[in-house]
Amino acid sequence: MESEEEYEVSRKAVEDKFKQLYDEDPELRQVLGKADPSTFSVEEKYQIIEAYIHQGGAAGLQIEMEDEDEEELDEATIEQMSAADKKTIEE
């Protein structure tokens, strides 16, 4: 299990890396839009860093965020459908 000191070091590393990426990459700032980065949790910042690194920078992150938006839209659309329409889709 991670000690309190190790947790703080990890937390600081995430905060520092996120700040570096955010400050240095205008595309990342654009992808994140009007969101206030100070409201992101350490976990959210870590997820953004991981996606940024593994998806090819801000462009990859943007694609991932668009996919999530499409999934939410699809779920919302399905919820609004009638029972008959849902049954048709399932067939």
Protein backbone atom coordinates (compact mmCIF):
# COMPACT_ATOMS: atom_id res chain seq x y z
CA MET A 1 0.00 0.00 0.00
CA GLU A 2 1.18 3.49 -0.81
CA SER A 3 2.33 5.60 2.12
CA GLU A 4 1.04 9.13 2.65
CA GLU A 5 4.39 10.54 1.56
CA GLU A 6 4.44 8.44 -1.63
CA TYR A 7 0.86 9.49 -2.38
CA GLU A 8 1.78 13.17 -2.07
CA VAL A 9 4.78 12.68 -4.37
CA SER A 10 2.56 10.92 -6.95
CA ARG A 11 -0.13 13.56 -6.59
CA LYS A 12 2.41 16.35 -7.09
CA ALA A 13 3.87 14.58 -10.14
CA VAL A 14 0.41 14.35 -11.73
CA GLU A 15 -0.36 17.99 -10.90
CA ASP A 16 3.00 19.15 -12.32
CA LYS A 17 2.72 17.09 -15.52
CA PHE A 18 -0.85 18.24 -16.14
CA LYS A 19 0.13 21.88 -15.62
CA GLN A 20 3.08 21.48 -18.00
CA LEU A 21 0.92 19.94 -20.73
CA TYR A 22 -1.89 22.44 -20.22
CA ASP A 23 0.43 25.46 -20.23
CA GLU A 24 2.48 24.32 -23.23
CA ASP A 25 -0.22 22.98 -25.56
CA PRO A 26 -2.85 25.40 -26.86
CA GLU A 27 -4.63 22.48 -28.58
CA LEU A 28 -5.09 20.78 -25.23
CA ARG A 29 -6.59 23.94 -23.79
CA GLN A 30 -8.93 24.12 -26.77
CA VAL A 31 -9.98 20.46 -26.43
CA LEU A 32 -10.76 20.97 -22.75
CA GLY A 33 -12.78 24.03 -23.71
CA LYS A 34 -14.11 26.30 -21.04
CA ALA A 35 -13.52 23.78 -18.27
CA ASP A 36 -11.59 25.18 -15.34
CA PRO A 37 -8.58 22.88 -14.89
CA SER A 38 -8.38 23.77 -11.20
CA THR A 39 -11.68 21.89 -10.73
CA PHE A 40 -10.29 18.63 -12.13
CA SER A 41 -9.49 15.97 -9.57
CA VAL A 42 -6.07 14.32 -9.53
CA GLU A 43 -7.69 11.22 -11.01
CA GLU A 44 -9.20 13.24 -13.87
CA LYS A 45 -5.88 14.93 -14.56
CA TYR A 46 -4.17 11.55 -14.57
CA GLN A 47 -6.72 10.20 -17.06
CA ILE A 48 -6.21 13.23 -19.31
CA ILE A 49 -2.42 12.78 -19.16
CA GLU A 50 -2.69 9.07 -19.98
CA ALA A 51 -5.04 9.71 -22.91
CA TYR A 52 -2.86 12.57 -24.12
CA ILE A 53 0.25 10.39 -24.11
CA HIS A 54 -1.31 7.22 -25.50
CA GLN A 55 -3.70 8.80 -28.03
CA GLY A 56 -1.20 11.09 -29.73
CA GLY A 57 -1.54 14.42 -27.97
CA ALA A 58 -4.48 16.78 -27.95
CA ALA A 59 -5.80 15.54 -31.30
CA GLY A 60 -6.10 12.00 -29.96
CA LEU A 61 -7.66 13.27 -26.79
CA GLN A 62 -10.21 15.24 -28.81
CA ILE A 63 -11.22 12.13 -30.75
CA GLU A 64 -11.65 10.21 -27.50
CA MET A 65 -13.79 12.98 -25.99
CA GLU A 66 -15.94 13.16 -29.14
CA ASP A 67 -16.51 9.40 -28.97
CA GLU A 68 -17.68 9.74 -25.36
CA ASP A 69 -20.07 12.54 -26.39
CA GLU A 70 -21.51 10.35 -29.16
CA GLU A 71 -22.07 7.48 -26.72
CA GLU A 72 -23.92 9.78 -24.33
CA LEU A 73 -26.05 11.11 -27.17
CA ASP A 74 -26.87 7.59 -28.32
CA GLU A 75 -27.91 6.54 -24.81
CA ALA A 76 -30.06 9.65 -24.41
CA THR A 77 -31.70 9.03 -27.79
CA ILE A 78 -32.45 5.41 -26.92
CA GLU A 79 -33.97 6.41 -23.59
CA GLN A 80 -36.40 8.71 -25.39
CA MET A 81 -37.50 6.09 -27.89
CA SER A 82 -40.81 4.30 -27.62
CA ALA A 83 -40.91 0.66 -26.54
CA ALA A 84 -41.85 -0.38 -30.09
CA ASP A 85 -38.86 1.44 -31.56
CA LYS A 86 -36.53 -0.13 -28.99
CA LYS A 87 -37.87 -3.57 -29.87
CA THR A 88 -37.23 -2.91 -33.57
CA ILE A 89 -33.62 -1.99 -32.84
CA GLU A 90 -33.08 -5.15 -30.78
CA GLU A 91 -34.30 -7.38 -33.63
